[in-house]
Every structure is written in structure tokens, then in C-alpha cells.
Amino acid sequence: MNIEVFKTDVTTIVTANIIVSEIIKILPHAVVNFDLEDCDHILRVEANDICKDAIVKLLHQLDVEFEILE
């Protein structure tokens, strides 16, 4: 299982749910969640095959400010 972690500017559950839904459309077997209580508003994506470029493109399309955490 691979994990990608993103620091984001997402602050509302509504926005987080939209992003999670959109990621699941492109990665249907992924486990996707936000930790909005964390000061970095962390987005985690877990899947066997993660297309990081597709997630980055989607976040850009949704005007989400983010940083990939290594």
C-alpha cells in the first residue's frame, strides 16, 4: 500500500468532502481522508497504485493550495 500526504489550505468539511469524492472518481480503490484539525489540514491518499500527477492536477483544478509532504 502506498501513501501520499499533502499539506493543504482546505478548512471546511464541505470542501474536503468534494475533494475526497473527486479523488475517489480517479482512484476508486483508494482510501482518502482529511485531518482538518491538524494545523496543516492534511490530505492522505492510500492505494496500491497512486497516480500522484492525477491528484496534483485535480487539486490545481479545484484551486487548492497544497504541498506534497515527503
N, C-alpha and C. Protein backbone atom coordinates (compact mmCIF):
# COMPACT_ATOMS: atom_id res chain seq x y z
N MET A 1 0.85 -1.18 0.00
CA MET A 1 0.00 0.00 0.00
C MET A 1 0.90 1.24 0.00
N ASN A 2 0.65 2.14 -0.91
CA ASN A 2 1.38 3.40 -0.99
C ASN A 2 0.56 4.51 -0.36
N ILE A 3 1.25 5.48 0.20
CA ILE A 3 0.57 6.61 0.84
C ILE A 3 1.17 7.91 0.32
N GLU A 4 0.30 8.84 -0.05
CA GLU A 4 0.72 10.20 -0.40
C GLU A 4 0.06 11.13 0.61
N VAL A 5 0.83 12.10 1.08
CA VAL A 5 0.35 13.04 2.09
C VAL A 5 0.55 14.46 1.56
N PHE A 6 -0.50 15.27 1.70
CA PHE A 6 -0.48 16.63 1.20
C PHE A 6 -0.86 17.60 2.32
N LYS A 7 -0.10 18.67 2.45
CA LYS A 7 -0.47 19.81 3.30
C LYS A 7 -1.36 20.68 2.42
N THR A 8 -2.54 21.09 2.92
CA THR A 8 -3.47 21.84 2.08
C THR A 8 -3.98 23.09 2.80
N ASP A 9 -4.72 23.91 2.04
CA ASP A 9 -5.37 25.08 2.61
C ASP A 9 -6.87 24.83 2.85
N VAL A 10 -7.28 23.59 2.79
CA VAL A 10 -8.70 23.23 2.96
C VAL A 10 -9.08 23.36 4.43
N THR A 11 -10.17 24.09 4.70
CA THR A 11 -10.56 24.33 6.09
C THR A 11 -11.98 23.89 6.41
N THR A 12 -12.77 23.54 5.40
CA THR A 12 -14.16 23.16 5.67
C THR A 12 -14.41 21.71 5.28
N ILE A 13 -15.30 21.08 6.01
CA ILE A 13 -15.67 19.69 5.73
C ILE A 13 -16.35 19.57 4.37
N VAL A 14 -17.08 20.59 3.97
CA VAL A 14 -17.76 20.56 2.67
C VAL A 14 -16.73 20.47 1.54
N THR A 15 -15.72 21.33 1.59
CA THR A 15 -14.67 21.32 0.57
C THR A 15 -13.89 20.00 0.63
N ALA A 16 -13.58 19.54 1.82
CA ALA A 16 -12.86 18.28 1.97
C ALA A 16 -13.64 17.13 1.35
N ASN A 17 -14.94 17.08 1.59
CA ASN A 17 -15.77 16.01 1.03
C ASN A 17 -15.81 16.05 -0.50
N ILE A 18 -15.84 17.25 -1.07
CA ILE A 18 -15.81 17.38 -2.53
C ILE A 18 -14.50 16.82 -3.07
N ILE A 19 -13.40 17.18 -2.45
CA ILE A 19 -12.09 16.72 -2.90
C ILE A 19 -11.98 15.20 -2.77
N VAL A 20 -12.41 14.66 -1.65
CA VAL A 20 -12.37 13.21 -1.45
C VAL A 20 -13.19 12.51 -2.53
N SER A 21 -14.37 13.01 -2.81
CA SER A 21 -15.23 12.41 -3.85
C SER A 21 -14.57 12.43 -5.21
N GLU A 22 -13.93 13.54 -5.54
CA GLU A 22 -13.26 13.67 -6.84
C GLU A 22 -12.06 12.74 -6.94
N ILE A 23 -11.31 12.60 -5.87
CA ILE A 23 -10.15 11.68 -5.89
C ILE A 23 -10.63 10.25 -6.04
N ILE A 24 -11.70 9.89 -5.36
CA ILE A 24 -12.22 8.52 -5.46
C ILE A 24 -12.71 8.22 -6.88
N LYS A 25 -13.16 9.24 -7.60
CA LYS A 25 -13.55 9.03 -9.01
C LYS A 25 -12.36 8.59 -9.86
N ILE A 26 -11.17 9.13 -9.58
CA ILE A 26 -10.00 8.77 -10.38
C ILE A 26 -9.21 7.61 -9.78
N LEU A 27 -9.39 7.38 -8.48
CA LEU A 27 -8.74 6.27 -7.78
C LEU A 27 -9.78 5.53 -6.95
N PRO A 28 -10.64 4.75 -7.60
CA PRO A 28 -11.80 4.16 -6.90
C PRO A 28 -11.46 3.23 -5.74
N HIS A 29 -10.27 2.66 -5.72
CA HIS A 29 -9.93 1.73 -4.65
C HIS A 29 -9.09 2.39 -3.55
N ALA A 30 -8.93 3.69 -3.64
CA ALA A 30 -8.12 4.41 -2.67
C ALA A 30 -8.89 4.68 -1.38
N VAL A 31 -8.13 4.81 -0.30
CA VAL A 31 -8.66 5.28 0.97
C VAL A 31 -8.19 6.73 1.08
N VAL A 32 -9.14 7.64 1.14
CA VAL A 32 -8.82 9.08 1.11
C VAL A 32 -9.44 9.74 2.33
N ASN A 33 -8.65 10.56 3.03
CA ASN A 33 -9.22 11.28 4.16
C ASN A 33 -8.47 12.57 4.44
N PHE A 34 -9.14 13.45 5.16
CA PHE A 34 -8.57 14.72 5.60
C PHE A 34 -8.45 14.72 7.10
N ASP A 35 -7.45 15.40 7.61
CA ASP A 35 -7.35 15.73 9.03
C ASP A 35 -7.41 17.25 9.10
N LEU A 36 -8.61 17.79 9.19
CA LEU A 36 -8.79 19.23 9.21
C LEU A 36 -8.43 19.85 10.55
N GLU A 37 -8.31 19.03 11.58
CA GLU A 37 -7.92 19.54 12.89
C GLU A 37 -6.42 19.78 12.98
N ASP A 38 -5.66 19.11 12.14
CA ASP A 38 -4.22 19.33 12.06
C ASP A 38 -3.97 20.74 11.51
N CYS A 39 -2.95 21.41 12.00
CA CYS A 39 -2.68 22.78 11.54
C CYS A 39 -2.35 22.84 10.05
N ASP A 40 -1.93 21.72 9.46
CA ASP A 40 -1.59 21.68 8.04
C ASP A 40 -2.72 21.15 7.16
N HIS A 41 -3.88 20.87 7.76
CA HIS A 41 -5.06 20.41 7.00
C HIS A 41 -4.67 19.27 6.05
N ILE A 42 -4.24 18.18 6.62
CA ILE A 42 -3.61 17.08 5.90
C ILE A 42 -4.62 16.26 5.09
N LEU A 43 -4.24 16.02 3.84
CA LEU A 43 -4.96 15.10 2.95
C LEU A 43 -4.08 13.87 2.80
N ARG A 44 -4.66 12.68 3.06
CA ARG A 44 -3.95 11.41 2.90
C ARG A 44 -4.65 10.56 1.87
N VAL A 45 -3.86 9.99 0.98
CA VAL A 45 -4.38 9.09 -0.03
C VAL A 45 -3.59 7.79 0.05
N GLU A 46 -4.30 6.68 0.27
CA GLU A 46 -3.68 5.36 0.34
C GLU A 46 -4.25 4.49 -0.76
N ALA A 47 -3.35 3.84 -1.51
CA ALA A 47 -3.78 2.92 -2.57
C ALA A 47 -2.59 2.10 -3.02
N ASN A 48 -2.87 0.99 -3.68
CA ASN A 48 -1.79 0.18 -4.23
C ASN A 48 -1.05 0.92 -5.33
N ASP A 49 -1.80 1.54 -6.21
CA ASP A 49 -1.22 2.32 -7.31
C ASP A 49 -1.77 3.74 -7.23
N ILE A 50 -0.91 4.67 -6.84
CA ILE A 50 -1.33 6.06 -6.74
C ILE A 50 -0.73 6.83 -7.91
N CYS A 51 -1.58 7.53 -8.62
CA CYS A 51 -1.12 8.42 -9.69
C CYS A 51 -1.03 9.82 -9.10
N LYS A 52 0.15 10.13 -8.55
CA LYS A 52 0.34 11.41 -7.89
C LYS A 52 0.07 12.58 -8.84
N ASP A 53 0.46 12.43 -10.11
CA ASP A 53 0.23 13.50 -11.09
C ASP A 53 -1.25 13.80 -11.27
N ALA A 54 -2.09 12.77 -11.24
CA ALA A 54 -3.54 12.97 -11.39
C ALA A 54 -4.10 13.71 -10.18
N ILE A 55 -3.61 13.39 -9.00
CA ILE A 55 -4.07 14.07 -7.78
C ILE A 55 -3.63 15.54 -7.82
N VAL A 56 -2.39 15.78 -8.20
CA VAL A 56 -1.88 17.15 -8.30
C VAL A 56 -2.71 17.95 -9.30
N LYS A 57 -2.99 17.36 -10.45
CA LYS A 57 -3.79 18.05 -11.48
C LYS A 57 -5.18 18.38 -10.93
N LEU A 58 -5.79 17.42 -10.24
CA LEU A 58 -7.12 17.64 -9.67
C LEU A 58 -7.10 18.76 -8.63
N LEU A 59 -6.12 18.75 -7.75
CA LEU A 59 -6.04 19.79 -6.73
C LEU A 59 -5.86 21.17 -7.36
N HIS A 60 -5.06 21.24 -8.43
CA HIS A 60 -4.91 22.51 -9.16
C HIS A 60 -6.25 22.94 -9.75
N GLN A 61 -6.96 22.00 -10.36
CA GLN A 61 -8.26 22.31 -10.98
C GLN A 61 -9.26 22.83 -9.95
N LEU A 62 -9.16 22.33 -8.73
CA LEU A 62 -10.07 22.73 -7.66
C LEU A 62 -9.56 23.95 -6.88
N ASP A 63 -8.47 24.55 -7.37
CA ASP A 63 -7.87 25.73 -6.75
C ASP A 63 -7.47 25.50 -5.29
N VAL A 64 -6.94 24.32 -5.02
CA VAL A 64 -6.47 24.00 -3.68
C VAL A 64 -4.97 24.31 -3.62
N GLU A 65 -4.59 25.10 -2.64
CA GLU A 65 -3.17 25.32 -2.38
C GLU A 65 -2.68 24.11 -1.59
N PHE A 66 -1.56 23.54 -2.02
CA PHE A 66 -1.08 22.33 -1.36
C PHE A 66 0.43 22.21 -1.49
N GLU A 67 0.95 21.31 -0.67
CA GLU A 67 2.36 20.96 -0.72
C GLU A 67 2.43 19.45 -0.50
N ILE A 68 3.20 18.77 -1.32
CA ILE A 68 3.37 17.33 -1.14
C ILE A 68 4.38 17.12 -0.02
N LEU A 69 4.01 16.34 0.97
CA LEU A 69 4.91 16.04 2.08
C LEU A 69 5.62 14.73 1.80
N GLU A 70 6.90 14.73 1.98
CA GLU A 70 7.70 13.53 1.71
C GLU A 70 7.91 12.74 2.98
